[in-house]
């Protein structure tokens, strides 16, 4: 019977404060800044979509009368 390989999660190394700060500045912070812009654009897109949907409902309602 085939078995799934186990993950080697018990072979971790502690990071020094300098390594942790370097990782934060070079990896984590740029990703976080990019996510903030992405969320802002997606929020505007979602609000615009709801507005256009309501506009379509209004146009359809007034076109029938």
Protein backbone atom coordinates (compact mmCIF):
# COMPACT_ATOMS: atom_id res chain seq x y z
CA UNK A 1 0.00 0.00 0.00
CA UNK A 2 1.36 3.43 -0.93
CA UNK A 3 1.98 5.93 1.85
CA UNK A 4 2.25 9.69 1.74
CA UNK A 5 5.65 11.05 2.70
CA UNK A 6 5.84 12.87 6.01
CA UNK A 7 6.71 16.55 6.08
CA UNK A 8 10.03 17.39 7.68
CA UNK A 9 8.69 20.19 9.88
CA UNK A 10 10.84 19.29 12.85
CA UNK A 11 14.07 20.48 11.18
CA UNK A 12 13.59 24.20 11.69
CA UNK A 13 16.29 26.71 12.61
CA UNK A 14 15.90 29.73 14.86
CA UNK A 15 16.50 33.05 13.12
CA UNK A 16 18.62 35.75 14.66
CA UNK A 17 17.00 39.16 15.23
CA UNK A 18 19.04 40.52 12.31
CA UNK A 19 17.82 37.76 9.97
CA UNK A 20 14.23 38.31 11.09
CA UNK A 21 14.51 42.07 10.48
CA UNK A 22 16.09 41.48 7.05
CA UNK A 23 13.29 39.05 6.11
CA UNK A 24 10.68 41.56 7.26
CA UNK A 25 12.18 44.46 5.29
CA UNK A 26 13.06 42.53 2.11
CA UNK A 27 10.21 40.05 1.85
CA UNK A 28 7.24 40.69 4.11
CA UNK A 29 6.88 44.48 3.95
CA UNK A 30 6.93 44.73 0.10
CA UNK A 31 4.30 41.99 -0.12
CA UNK A 32 2.14 43.75 2.44
CA UNK A 33 2.41 47.08 0.63
CA UNK A 34 1.42 45.42 -2.64
CA UNK A 35 -1.58 43.76 -1.00
CA UNK A 36 -2.85 47.10 0.29
CA UNK A 37 -2.93 48.51 -3.25
CA UNK A 38 -4.57 45.34 -4.56
CA UNK A 39 -7.30 45.45 -1.90
CA UNK A 40 -7.97 49.13 -2.63
CA UNK A 41 -8.38 48.46 -6.37
CA UNK A 42 -10.60 45.42 -5.75
CA UNK A 43 -12.80 47.42 -3.34
CA UNK A 44 -13.32 50.13 -5.95
CA UNK A 45 -14.10 47.46 -8.55
CA UNK A 46 -16.65 45.80 -6.26
CA UNK A 47 -18.40 49.09 -5.44
CA UNK A 48 -18.48 49.96 -9.15
CA UNK A 49 -19.97 46.56 -9.99
CA UNK A 50 -22.76 47.01 -7.45
CA UNK A 51 -23.43 50.51 -8.79
CA UNK A 52 -23.61 49.28 -12.38
CA UNK A 53 -25.91 46.44 -11.33
CA UNK A 54 -28.28 48.91 -9.64
CA UNK A 55 -28.14 51.15 -12.70
CA UNK A 56 -29.05 48.18 -14.92
CA UNK A 57 -32.02 47.36 -12.64
CA UNK A 58 -33.19 50.98 -12.85
CA UNK A 59 -32.85 51.06 -16.66
CA UNK A 60 -34.71 47.75 -17.06
CA UNK A 61 -37.46 48.93 -14.71
CA UNK A 62 -37.99 52.18 -16.60
CA UNK A 63 -37.75 50.53 -20.05
CA UNK A 64 -40.71 48.26 -19.28
CA UNK A 65 -43.10 51.08 -18.39
